[in-house]
C-alpha atoms as a PDB file:
ATOM      1  CA  MET A   1      23.518 -74.092  14.228  1.00  0.00           C
ATOM      2  CA  ASN A   2      22.254 -75.265  11.301  1.00  0.00           C
ATOM      3  CA  SER A   3      24.329 -73.988   7.957  1.00  0.00           C
ATOM      4  CA  ASP A   4      21.177 -75.296   5.444  1.00  0.00           C
ATOM      5  CA  ARG A   5      19.520 -72.493   4.444  1.00  0.00           C
ATOM      6  CA  LEU A   6      16.262 -73.883   4.027  1.00  0.00           C
ATOM      7  CA  GLY A   7      16.438 -75.955   7.481  1.00  0.00           C
ATOM      8  CA  TYR A   8      15.469 -75.326  10.980  1.00  0.00           C
ATOM      9  CA  GLU A   9      17.766 -73.005  13.571  1.00  0.00           C
ATOM     10  CA  LEU A  10      17.007 -71.908  16.547  1.00  0.00           C
ATOM     11  CA  ILE A  11      18.706 -68.392  16.856  1.00  0.00           C
ATOM     12  CA  ASP A  12      18.447 -67.431  19.890  1.00  0.00           C
ATOM     13  CA  PHE A  13      16.449 -67.284  23.007  1.00  0.00           C
ATOM     14  CA  GLY A  14      15.122 -65.429  26.111  1.00  0.00           C
ATOM     15  CA  ASP A  15      12.186 -63.211  27.443  1.00  0.00           C
ATOM     16  CA  GLY A  16       9.704 -65.645  27.129  1.00  0.00           C
ATOM     17  CA  ARG A  17      10.304 -65.873  23.364  1.00  0.00           C
ATOM     18  CA  LYS A  18      12.064 -67.682  20.846  1.00  0.00           C
ATOM     19  CA  LEU A  19      13.576 -66.429  17.293  1.00  0.00           C
ATOM     20  CA  GLU A  20      13.828 -69.408  15.110  1.00  0.00           C
ATOM     21  CA  ARG A  21      14.733 -69.977  11.269  1.00  0.00           C
ATOM     22  CA  PHE A  22      12.452 -72.107   9.258  1.00  0.00           C
ATOM     23  CA  GLY A  23      13.347 -72.254   5.932  1.00  0.00           C
ATOM     24  CA  LEU A  24      13.945 -69.372   4.641  1.00  0.00           C
ATOM     25  CA  ILE A  25      11.755 -67.437   7.315  1.00  0.00           C
ATOM     26  CA  THR A  26      12.796 -66.020  10.339  1.00  0.00           C
ATOM     27  CA  LEU A  27       9.501 -66.168  13.018  1.00  0.00           C
ATOM     28  CA  ASP A  28       9.916 -64.341  17.145  1.00  0.00           C
ATOM     29  CA  ARG A  29       7.446 -65.952  18.551  1.00  0.00           C
ATOM     30  CA  PRO A  30       6.392 -67.535  22.540  1.00  0.00           C
ATOM     31  CA  SER A  31       8.943 -69.420  24.273  1.00  0.00           C
ATOM     32  CA  LYS A  32       7.211 -70.295  28.481  1.00  0.00           C
ATOM     33  CA  GLY A  33      10.694 -72.182  28.957  1.00  0.00           C
ATOM     34  CA  ALA A  34      13.107 -68.961  27.487  1.00  0.00           C
ATOM     35  CA  TRP A  35      12.979 -67.212  30.656  1.00  0.00           C
ATOM     36  CA  THR A  36      16.822 -66.448  30.328  1.00  0.00           C
ATOM     37  CA  PRO A  37      17.869 -62.740  28.801  1.00  0.00           C
ATOM     38  CA  LYS A  38      18.017 -62.788  25.439  1.00  0.00           C
ATOM     39  CA  SER A  39      22.325 -63.329  24.085  1.00  0.00           C
ATOM     40  CA  LEU A  40      22.055 -62.437  20.870  1.00  0.00           C
ATOM     41  CA  PRO A  41      19.687 -58.768  21.341  1.00  0.00           C
ATOM     42  CA  GLU A  42      21.042 -57.757  17.950  1.00  0.00           C
ATOM     43  CA  ALA A  43      19.789 -60.706  16.061  1.00  0.00           C
ATOM     44  CA  TRP A  44      15.841 -60.075  16.564  1.00  0.00           C
ATOM     45  CA  GLU A  45      15.369 -57.019  14.246  1.00  0.00           C
ATOM     46  CA  SER A  46      15.567 -59.814  11.663  1.00  0.00           C
ATOM     47  CA  ALA A  47      12.162 -61.776  12.451  1.00  0.00           C
ATOM     48  CA  GLU A  48       9.794 -61.106   9.708  1.00  0.00           C
ATOM     49  CA  LEU A  49       7.425 -62.766  11.285  1.00  0.00           C
ATOM     50  CA  ILE A  50       5.938 -62.167  14.564  1.00  0.00           C
ATOM     51  CA  TYR A  51       3.470 -63.528  17.014  1.00  0.00           C
ATOM     52  CA  SER A  52       2.059 -61.288  19.783  1.00  0.00           C
ATOM     53  CA  GLY A  53      -0.079 -63.375  21.995  1.00  0.00           C
ATOM     54  CA  GLU A  54       1.396 -64.791  25.988  1.00  0.00           C
ATOM     55  CA  ARG A  55      -0.083 -67.986  25.819  1.00  0.00           C
ATOM     56  CA  MET A  56      -0.637 -69.379  22.214  1.00  0.00           C
ATOM     57  CA  ASN A  57      -4.749 -68.195  22.295  1.00  0.00           C
ATOM     58  CA  ALA A  58      -5.726 -68.763  20.001  1.00  0.00           C
ATOM     59  CA  SER A  59      -8.542 -65.715  20.040  1.00  0.00           C
ATOM     60  CA  ALA A  60      -6.237 -63.963  21.445  1.00  0.00           C
ATOM     61  CA  GLY A  61      -2.828 -64.021  19.653  1.00  0.00           C
ATOM     62  CA  ARG A  62      -1.892 -62.633  16.119  1.00  0.00           C
ATOM     63  CA  TRP A  63       0.678 -62.714  13.481  1.00  0.00           C
ATOM     64  CA  THR A  64       2.200 -59.743  11.434  1.00  0.00           C
ATOM     65  CA  VAL A  65       4.865 -58.835   9.478  1.00  0.00           C
ATOM     66  CA  THR A  66       8.523 -56.345   9.879  1.00  0.00           C
ATOM     67  CA  SER A  67       9.729 -54.625   7.825  1.00  0.00           C
ATOM     68  CA  GLN A  68      12.170 -57.333   6.845  1.00  0.00           C
ATOM     69  CA  ALA A  69      10.019 -59.600   5.244  1.00  0.00           C
ATOM     70  CA  SER A  70       9.655 -60.194   1.270  1.00  0.00           C
ATOM     71  CA  ARG A  71       6.090 -61.535   1.630  1.00  0.00           C
ATOM     72  CA  SER A  72       3.068 -60.631   2.703  1.00  0.00           C
ATOM     73  CA  LEU A  73       1.040 -61.629   5.985  1.00  0.00           C
ATOM     74  CA  GLU A  74      -1.297 -63.251   3.695  1.00  0.00           C
ATOM     75  CA  ASP A  75       1.404 -64.927   1.841  1.00  0.00           C
ATOM     76  CA  LEU A  76       3.427 -65.673   4.929  1.00  0.00           C
ATOM     77  CA  LEU A  77       0.737 -67.182   6.606  1.00  0.00           C
ATOM     78  CA  GLU A  78      -0.810 -69.430   3.339  1.00  0.00           C
ATOM     79  CA  GLY A  79       2.432 -71.434   4.361  1.00  0.00           C
ATOM     80  CA  TRP A  80       6.344 -72.174   3.019  1.00  0.00           C
ATOM     81  CA  HIS A  81       8.124 -74.877   2.802  1.00  0.00           C
ATOM     82  CA  CYS A  82      11.201 -75.954   5.942  1.00  0.00           C
ATOM     83  CA  THR A  83      13.793 -79.144   4.884  1.00  0.00           C
ATOM     84  CA  TYR A  84      15.227 -81.518   7.761  1.00  0.00           C
ATOM     85  CA  ARG A  85      17.722 -83.876   7.622  1.00  0.00           C
ATOM     86  CA  ASP A  86      16.034 -86.267   4.128  1.00  0.00           C
ATOM     87  CA  LEU A  87      12.180 -84.583   5.237  1.00  0.00           C
ATOM     88  CA  LYS A  88      10.799 -81.515   3.436  1.00  0.00           C
ATOM     89  CA  LEU A  89       7.651 -80.596   5.796  1.00  0.00           C
ATOM     90  CA  LYS A  90       5.411 -77.226   4.866  1.00  0.00           C
ATOM     91  CA  ILE A  91       5.492 -75.014   7.423  1.00  0.00           C
ATOM     92  CA  VAL A  92       1.840 -73.351   8.247  1.00  0.00           C
ATOM     93  CA  PRO A  93       1.349 -70.360  11.116  1.00  0.00           C
ATOM     94  CA  GLN A  94      -1.939 -71.382  13.260  1.00  0.00           C
ATOM     95  CA  LYS A  95      -3.916 -68.955  15.260  1.00  0.00           C
ATOM     96  CA  THR A  96      -2.488 -70.616  18.673  1.00  0.00           C
ATOM     97  CA  GLY A  97       1.289 -69.789  17.315  1.00  0.00           C
ATOM     98  CA  GLN A  98       2.162 -72.799  16.322  1.00  0.00           C
ATOM     99  CA  LEU A  99       3.700 -73.488  12.791  1.00  0.00           C
ATOM    100  CA  GLY A 100       2.677 -77.919  12.285  1.00  0.00           C
ATOM    101  CA  ALA A 101       6.498 -79.234  13.717  1.00  0.00           C
ATOM    102  CA  PHE A 102       8.053 -79.573  17.063  1.00  0.00           C
ATOM    103  CA  PRO A 103      12.407 -79.396  15.607  1.00  0.00           C
ATOM    104  CA  GLU A 104      12.684 -80.513  19.921  1.00  0.00           C
ATOM    105  CA  HIS A 105      11.109 -83.741  19.173  1.00  0.00           C
ATOM    106  CA  TRP A 106      13.927 -84.157  15.950  1.00  0.00           C
ATOM    107  CA  ASN A 107      16.313 -84.841  18.427  1.00  0.00           C
ATOM    108  CA  HIS A 108      14.721 -88.443  19.240  1.00  0.00           C
ATOM    109  CA  TRP A 109      15.446 -89.072  15.748  1.00  0.00           C
ATOM    110  CA  ASP A 110      18.313 -90.567  16.506  1.00  0.00           C
ATOM    111  CA  TRP A 111      17.210 -93.221  18.847  1.00  0.00           C
ATOM    112  CA  PHE A 112      13.922 -93.846  16.980  1.00  0.00           C
ATOM    113  CA  ALA A 113      16.623 -95.070  13.719  1.00  0.00           C
ATOM    114  CA  LYS A 114      19.290 -97.303  15.907  1.00  0.00           C
ATOM    115  CA  SER A 115      16.454 -98.771  17.929  1.00  0.00           C
ATOM    116  CA  ILE A 116      13.918 -99.132  14.681  1.00  0.00           C
ATOM    117  CA  THR A 117      17.556-100.615  12.738  1.00  0.00           C
ATOM    118  CA  GLN A 118      18.466-103.107  15.534  1.00  0.00           C
ATOM    119  CA  GLY A 119      14.086-104.268  15.907  1.00  0.00           C
ATOM    120  CA  LEU A 120      14.029-104.763  11.476  1.00  0.00           C
ATOM    121  CA  ALA A 121      17.549-107.784  12.353  1.00  0.00           C
ATOM    122  CA  ARG A 122      14.414-109.227  14.783  1.00  0.00           C
ATOM    123  CA  GLY A 123      11.633-109.084  11.967  1.00  0.00           C
ATOM    124  CA  PRO A 124       8.704-106.249  10.702  1.00  0.00           C
ATOM    125  CA  VAL A 125       9.162-102.964  13.303  1.00  0.00           C
ATOM    126  CA  ARG A 126       5.178-101.522  13.592  1.00  0.00           C
ATOM    127  CA  VAL A 127       4.325 -99.081  14.831  1.00  0.00           C
ATOM    128  CA  LEU A 128       2.037 -97.085  16.690  1.00  0.00           C
ATOM    129  CA  HIS A 129       1.850 -93.066  16.217  1.00  0.00           C
ATOM    130  CA  LEU A 130      -0.917 -91.593  18.073  1.00  0.00           C
ATOM    131  CA  PHE A 131      -1.149 -87.578  18.797  1.00  0.00           C
ATOM    132  CA  ALA A 132       1.021 -87.899  15.320  1.00  0.00           C
ATOM    133  CA  TYR A 133       0.109 -84.645  14.329  1.00  0.00           C
ATOM    134  CA  THR A 134       1.530 -83.537  10.649  1.00  0.00           C
ATOM    135  CA  GLY A 135       3.339 -86.666  10.749  1.00  0.00           C
ATOM    136  CA  SER A 136       7.857 -85.518  10.773  1.00  0.00           C
ATOM    137  CA  THR A 137       8.662 -88.480  12.983  1.00  0.00           C
ATOM    138  CA  THR A 138       5.461 -90.553  11.597  1.00  0.00           C
ATOM    139  CA  LEU A 139       8.371 -89.989   8.427  1.00  0.00           C
ATOM    140  CA  TRP A 140      11.396 -90.240   9.848  1.00  0.00           C
ATOM    141  CA  MET A 141      10.227 -93.368  11.372  1.00  0.00           C
ATOM    142  CA  ALA A 142       8.993 -94.706   8.017  1.00  0.00           C
ATOM    143  CA  LEU A 143      12.479 -93.683   6.065  1.00  0.00           C
ATOM    144  CA  GLN A 144      14.259 -96.406   8.596  1.00  0.00           C
ATOM    145  CA  GLY A 145      11.958 -98.753   7.347  1.00  0.00           C
ATOM    146  CA  ALA A 146       8.997 -99.188  10.209  1.00  0.00           C
ATOM    147  CA  THR A 147       5.624-100.032   9.070  1.00  0.00           C
ATOM    148  CA  ILE A 148       3.260 -97.211  11.055  1.00  0.00           C
ATOM    149  CA  THR A 149      -0.710 -96.159  12.113  1.00  0.00           C
ATOM    150  CA  HIS A 150      -0.332 -92.920  12.657  1.00  0.00           C
ATOM    151  CA  VAL A 151      -3.183 -91.344  14.369  1.00  0.00           C
ATOM    152  CA  ASP A 152      -4.394 -88.075  15.545  1.00  0.00           C
ATOM    153  CA  ALA A 153      -7.860 -87.108  16.711  1.00  0.00           C
ATOM    154  CA  MET A 154      -7.635 -83.485  13.514  1.00  0.00           C
ATOM    155  CA  LYS A 155      -8.357 -84.332  10.363  1.00  0.00           C
ATOM    156  CA  GLN A 156      -5.968 -81.193   9.367  1.00  0.00           C
ATOM    157  CA  ALA A 157      -3.692 -82.661  10.571  1.00  0.00           C
ATOM    158  CA  VAL A 158      -4.061 -86.039   9.469  1.00  0.00           C
ATOM    159  CA  ASP A 159      -3.853 -84.051   5.634  1.00  0.00           C
ATOM    160  CA  TRP A 160      -1.043 -81.617   6.476  1.00  0.00           C
ATOM    161  CA  ALA A 161       1.276 -84.978   6.883  1.00  0.00           C
ATOM    162  CA  ARG A 162       0.491 -86.864   4.570  1.00  0.00           C
ATOM    163  CA  VAL A 163       0.329 -83.200   1.954  1.00  0.00           C
ATOM    164  CA  ASN A 164       4.102 -83.566   4.196  1.00  0.00           C
ATOM    165  CA  ALA A 165       4.656 -87.403   2.900  1.00  0.00           C
ATOM    166  CA  ASN A 166       4.147 -86.242  -0.784  1.00  0.00           C
ATOM    167  CA  LEU A 167       7.153 -83.274  -0.280  1.00  0.00           C
ATOM    168  CA  SER A 168       9.545 -85.952   1.177  1.00  0.00           C
ATOM    169  CA  GLY A 169       8.658 -88.538  -1.849  1.00  0.00           C
ATOM    170  CA  LEU A 170       7.501 -90.992   0.981  1.00  0.00           C
ATOM    171  CA  ASP A 171       3.669 -91.569  -0.783  1.00  0.00           C
ATOM    172  CA  SER A 172       4.701 -95.357  -1.278  1.00  0.00           C
ATOM    173  CA  LYS A 173       6.124 -96.096   2.148  1.00  0.00           C
ATOM    174  CA  PRO A 174       3.362 -98.350   4.020  1.00  0.00           C
ATOM    175  CA  ILE A 175       1.589 -95.596   6.526  1.00  0.00           C
ATOM    176  CA  ARG A 176      -1.647 -96.151   7.729  1.00  0.00           C
ATOM    177  CA  TRP A 177      -3.733 -92.858   8.069  1.00  0.00           C
ATOM    178  CA  ILE A 178      -6.418 -92.475  10.825  1.00  0.00           C
ATOM    179  CA  VAL A 179      -8.027 -90.092  12.072  1.00  0.00           C
ATOM    180  CA  GLU A 180     -10.206 -91.207  15.551  1.00  0.00           C
ATOM    181  CA  ASP A 181      -9.299 -90.669  19.001  1.00  0.00           C
ATOM    182  CA  ALA A 182      -5.985 -92.392  20.328  1.00  0.00           C
ATOM    183  CA  ARG A 183      -8.122 -93.633  23.375  1.00  0.00           C
ATOM    184  CA  LYS A 184     -10.943 -95.009  21.057  1.00  0.00           C
ATOM    185  CA  TYR A 185      -8.495 -96.354  18.072  1.00  0.00           C
ATOM    186  CA  VAL A 186      -6.125 -97.606  21.169  1.00  0.00           C
ATOM    187  CA  ALA A 187      -9.173 -99.616  22.228  1.00  0.00           C
ATOM    188  CA  ARG A 188     -10.474-101.153  19.650  1.00  0.00           C
ATOM    189  CA  GLU A 189      -7.037-102.058  18.245  1.00  0.00           C
ATOM    190  CA  LEU A 190      -6.965-104.300  21.662  1.00  0.00           C
ATOM    191  CA  LYS A 191     -10.385-105.997  20.933  1.00  0.00           C
ATOM    192  CA  ARG A 192      -8.779-106.524  17.534  1.00  0.00           C
ATOM    193  CA  GLY A 193      -5.719-108.811  19.495  1.00  0.00           C
ATOM    194  CA  SER A 194      -3.609-106.618  17.651  1.00  0.00           C
ATOM    195  CA  THR A 195       0.137-105.674  18.488  1.00  0.00           C
ATOM    196  CA  TYR A 196       3.539-103.592  17.136  1.00  0.00           C
ATOM    197  CA  GLU A 197       6.455-103.453  18.582  1.00  0.00           C
ATOM    198  CA  LEU A 198       6.739 -99.866  19.952  1.00  0.00           C
ATOM    199  CA  VAL A 199       4.438 -97.032  20.348  1.00  0.00           C
ATOM    200  CA  VAL A 200       4.913 -93.612  20.296  1.00  0.00           C
ATOM    201  CA  LEU A 201       2.423 -90.573  21.415  1.00  0.00           C
ATOM    202  CA  ASP A 202       3.206 -87.131  22.284  1.00  0.00           C
ATOM    203  CA  PRO A 203      -0.057 -86.580  24.001  1.00  0.00           C
ATOM    204  CA  PRO A 204      -1.650 -82.639  24.260  1.00  0.00           C
ATOM    205  CA  SER A 205      -1.883 -81.242  27.700  1.00  0.00           C
ATOM    206  CA  TYR A 206      -5.747 -80.566  27.457  1.00  0.00           C
ATOM    207  CA  GLY A 207      -7.439 -81.429  23.564  1.00  0.00           C
ATOM    208  CA  HIS A 208     -10.308 -83.026  22.104  1.00  0.00           C
ATOM    209  CA  GLY A 209     -10.983 -86.322  20.250  1.00  0.00           C
ATOM    210  CA  ARG A 210     -12.742 -86.253  16.821  1.00  0.00           C
ATOM    211  CA  LYS A 211     -15.931 -86.043  17.876  1.00  0.00           C
ATOM    212  CA  GLY A 212     -15.084 -83.871  20.846  1.00  0.00           C
ATOM    213  CA  GLU A 213     -14.134 -85.972  23.226  1.00  0.00           C
ATOM    214  CA  ALA A 214     -12.083 -84.229  26.021  1.00  0.00           C
ATOM    215  CA  TRP A 215      -8.572 -85.103  27.058  1.00  0.00           C
ATOM    216  CA  GLU A 216      -6.634 -84.186  30.013  1.00  0.00           C
ATOM    217  CA  ILE A 217      -3.820 -85.513  30.539  1.00  0.00           C
ATOM    218  CA  HIS A 218      -2.812 -85.332  34.317  1.00  0.00           C
ATOM    219  CA  ARG A 219      -6.436 -87.996  34.427  1.00  0.00           C
ATOM    220  CA  ASP A 220      -6.258 -89.598  31.449  1.00  0.00           C
ATOM    221  CA  LEU A 221      -2.846 -90.612  30.375  1.00  0.00           C
ATOM    222  CA  VAL A 222      -2.079 -93.664  32.967  1.00  0.00           C
ATOM    223  CA  SER A 223      -5.410 -95.752  31.498  1.00  0.00           C
ATOM    224  CA  LEU A 224      -4.179 -95.024  27.914  1.00  0.00           C
ATOM    225  CA  MET A 225      -0.744 -95.722  28.615  1.00  0.00           C
ATOM    226  CA  LYS A 226      -1.602 -98.962  30.227  1.00  0.00           C
ATOM    227  CA  ASP A 227      -3.278 -99.962  27.429  1.00  0.00           C
ATOM    228  CA  CYS A 228      -0.362 -98.761  25.079  1.00  0.00           C
ATOM    229  CA  TRP A 229       1.624-101.371  26.717  1.00  0.00           C
ATOM    230  CA  ARG A 230      -0.585-104.606  26.668  1.00  0.00           C
ATOM    231  CA  LEU A 231      -0.278-104.256  22.565  1.00  0.00           C
ATOM    232  CA  LEU A 232       3.215-104.489  22.517  1.00  0.00           C
ATOM    233  CA  SER A 233       4.534-107.944  21.334  1.00  0.00           C
ATOM    234  CA  GLY A 234       6.807-110.358  21.970  1.00  0.00           C
ATOM    235  CA  ASN A 235       9.588-108.498  20.245  1.00  0.00           C
ATOM    236  CA  SER A 236       8.782-105.429  21.780  1.00  0.00           C
ATOM    237  CA  ILE A 237      10.639-102.402  21.483  1.00  0.00           C
ATOM    238  CA  GLY A 238       8.769-100.259  23.752  1.00  0.00           C
ATOM    239  CA  VAL A 239       6.488 -97.381  24.281  1.00  0.00           C
ATOM    240  CA  PHE A 240       7.935 -93.771  23.804  1.00  0.00           C
ATOM    241  CA  LEU A 241       5.952 -91.193  25.273  1.00  0.00           C
ATOM    242  CA  THR A 242       6.666 -87.236  24.860  1.00  0.00           C
ATOM    243  CA  SER A 243       5.537 -84.393  26.595  1.00  0.00           C
ATOM    244  CA  HIS A 244       5.388 -80.677  27.638  1.00  0.00           C
ATOM    245  CA  SER A 245       3.355 -80.946  30.687  1.00  0.00           C
ATOM    246  CA  LEU A 246       4.417 -80.685  33.682  1.00  0.00           C
ATOM    247  CA  ASN A 247       4.371 -83.136  36.493  1.00  0.00           C
ATOM    248  CA  ILE A 248       4.497 -85.936  34.590  1.00  0.00           C
ATOM    249  CA  SER A 249       6.106 -88.921  36.852  1.00  0.00           C
ATOM    250  CA  ALA A 250       8.470 -91.604  34.869  1.00  0.00           C
ATOM    251  CA  LYS A 251       8.930 -93.429  38.247  1.00  0.00           C
ATOM    252  CA  GLU A 252       5.099 -92.965  38.796  1.00  0.00           C
ATOM    253  CA  LEU A 253       4.425 -94.029  34.854  1.00  0.00           C
ATOM    254  CA  ARG A 254       6.541 -97.174  35.539  1.00  0.00           C
ATOM    255  CA  MET A 255       4.927 -98.229  38.395  1.00  0.00           C
ATOM    256  CA  GLU A 256       1.638 -98.324  36.970  1.00  0.00           C
ATOM    257  CA  LEU A 257       2.812 -99.669  34.236  1.00  0.00           C
ATOM    258  CA  GLN A 258       4.683-102.718  36.510  1.00  0.00           C
ATOM    259  CA  LEU A 259       1.596-103.410  38.575  1.00  0.00           C
ATOM    260  CA  ASP A 260      -0.743-103.546  35.404  1.00  0.00           C
ATOM    261  CA  GLN A 261       1.922-106.764  34.033  1.00  0.00           C
ATOM    262  CA  GLN A 262       1.594-108.024  37.440  1.00  0.00           C
ATOM    263  CA  ASN A 263      -1.948-108.184  37.406  1.00  0.00           C
ATOM    264  CA  ASP A 264      -2.612-109.375  33.709  1.00  0.00           C
ATOM    265  CA  SER A 265       0.157-112.292  34.702  1.00  0.00           C
ATOM    266  CA  ASN A 266      -2.068-113.017  37.540  1.00  0.00           C
ATOM    267  CA  ASP A 267      -5.064-113.263  35.383  1.00  0.00           C
ATOM    268  CA  VAL A 268      -3.641-115.483  32.824  1.00  0.00           C
ATOM    269  CA  GLN A 269      -1.241-118.417  34.841  1.00  0.00           C
ATOM    270  CA  THR A 270       1.486-120.305  33.975  1.00  0.00           C
ATOM    271  CA  GLU A 271       3.316-123.574  35.819  1.00  0.00           C
ATOM    272  CA  SER A 272       6.276-121.517  35.157  1.00  0.00           C
ATOM    273  CA  GLU A 273       5.145-118.237  35.875  1.00  0.00           C
ATOM    274  CA  THR A 274       2.808-117.628  38.033  1.00  0.00           C
ATOM    275  CA  GLY A 275       2.128-114.167  38.880  1.00  0.00           C
ATOM    276  CA  SER A 276       5.461-112.892  37.823  1.00  0.00           C
ATOM    277  CA  SER A 277       6.388-109.572  35.345  1.00  0.00           C
ATOM    278  CA  HIS A 278       9.331-108.579  33.466  1.00  0.00           C
ATOM    279  CA  PRO A 279      10.441-105.615  35.228  1.00  0.00           C
ATOM    280  CA  ILE A 280      10.233-102.269  33.500  1.00  0.00           C
ATOM    281  CA  GLU A 281      13.406-100.163  32.285  1.00  0.00           C
ATOM    282  CA  THR A 282      12.402 -96.249  32.065  1.00  0.00           C
ATOM    283  CA  VAL A 283      15.202 -93.721  30.299  1.00  0.00           C
ATOM    284  CA  ILE A 284      14.285 -90.404  30.245  1.00  0.00           C
ATOM    285  CA  PHE A 285      15.633 -88.221  27.611  1.00  0.00           C
ATOM    286  CA  PRO A 286      15.712 -83.999  27.561  1.00  0.00           C
ATOM    287  CA  SER A 287      13.675 -82.581  24.697  1.00  0.00           C
ATOM    288  CA  PHE A 288      15.635 -79.837  24.217  1.00  0.00           C
ATOM    289  CA  LEU A 289      16.877 -76.759  21.224  1.00  0.00           C
ATOM    290  CA  GLN A 290      20.009 -75.853  21.095  1.00  0.00           C
ATOM    291  CA  ASP A 291      20.725 -71.794  20.155  1.00  0.00           C
ATOM    292  CA  CYS A 292      23.524 -70.118  17.693  1.00  0.00           C
ATOM    293  CA  SER A 293      25.253 -69.278  21.567  1.00  0.00           C
ATOM    294  CA  GLY A 294      25.723 -73.312  22.877  1.00  0.00           C
ATOM    295  CA  ARG A 295      22.993 -72.566  25.439  1.00  0.00           C
ATOM    296  CA  ARG A 296      19.893 -74.930  25.467  1.00  0.00           C
ATOM    297  CA  LEU A 297      15.946 -74.450  25.493  1.00  0.00           C
ATOM    298  CA  GLU A 298      14.383 -77.401  27.580  1.00  0.00           C
ATOM    299  CA  CYS A 299      10.963 -78.457  26.139  1.00  0.00           C
ATOM    300  CA  GLY A 300       9.686 -80.852  28.169  1.00  0.00           C
ATOM    301  CA  GLU A 301      11.306 -84.600  28.272  1.00  0.00           C
ATOM    302  CA  GLY A 302      11.060 -88.174  26.323  1.00  0.00           C
ATOM    303  CA  ILE A 303      10.567 -91.000  28.377  1.00  0.00           C
ATOM    304  CA  ARG A 304      11.127 -94.323  27.111  1.00  0.00           C
ATOM    305  CA  PHE A 305       9.467 -97.334  28.957  1.00  0.00           C
ATOM    306  CA  GLN A 306      10.802-100.915  27.547  1.00  0.00           C
ATOM    307  CA  ARG A 307      10.998-104.585  29.051  1.00  0.00           C
ATOM    308  CA  THR A 308      13.793-106.222  30.265  1.00  0.00           C
ATOM    309  CA  ASN A 309      14.586-109.593  30.839  1.00  0.00           C
ATOM    310  CA  GLU A 310      16.767-109.688  34.427  1.00  0.00           C
END
């Protein structure tokens, strides 16, 4: 539970929906993981803004205000601010039911802070953040001292991220803002010989690149992950993947990366290491939110891939 009036709070969830507070505004919207009964039925009367549309479909869903709202629907759709830790973020209701923030990702921030701090003891930490959306995690990593390349195919999302940077007083941080398809940008970075200590990606199940390139996670993720792995420097932290999609197997992804690593070492053989590769450690992090009653709303998972020295 977050006692900060301007912060974030998951108040309750159940029956396919979640009741949240972003800053001063309380919202009721769909949540596919909220299959249990509601814990605090009376709390739902506090909702000011409600999204209807079971599948978060832009053509079918809509926002409505309740009698609890102190502002008009038009005013609320223009957005408001929410704070979290040292960041100030703009929240804007979208036609899809999204708000421009995924609070479940914020559970991973302590790991990013620790890993970046440890990495800085060895040298610069350059992070490639793909499908980076409106930038809250980008800004958090920049606060820890990392140099970030923020990539998203939607100009609106990148512009929004820059607004969040301005609101948080982080305009001067070393962040490159890139509007591009993730696969195309990674391919160009490989050709340039660029390297990063950490690659972070949060791919959607389905989507489109800057020029309409179709993305389907079960078809396209493996090849992108292999390319991301090739971008890692010799001083790397690893690749961190977050996903809300079903049937993404950490074991299968690790096997693909391991096989790719073996193929790379076979292509360039040396006297000391012929056809060998470093094992890959896989660590799975649950993505979840905790409500006022202490219940956990499962929201997917994060998976870290890192070379080991064994």
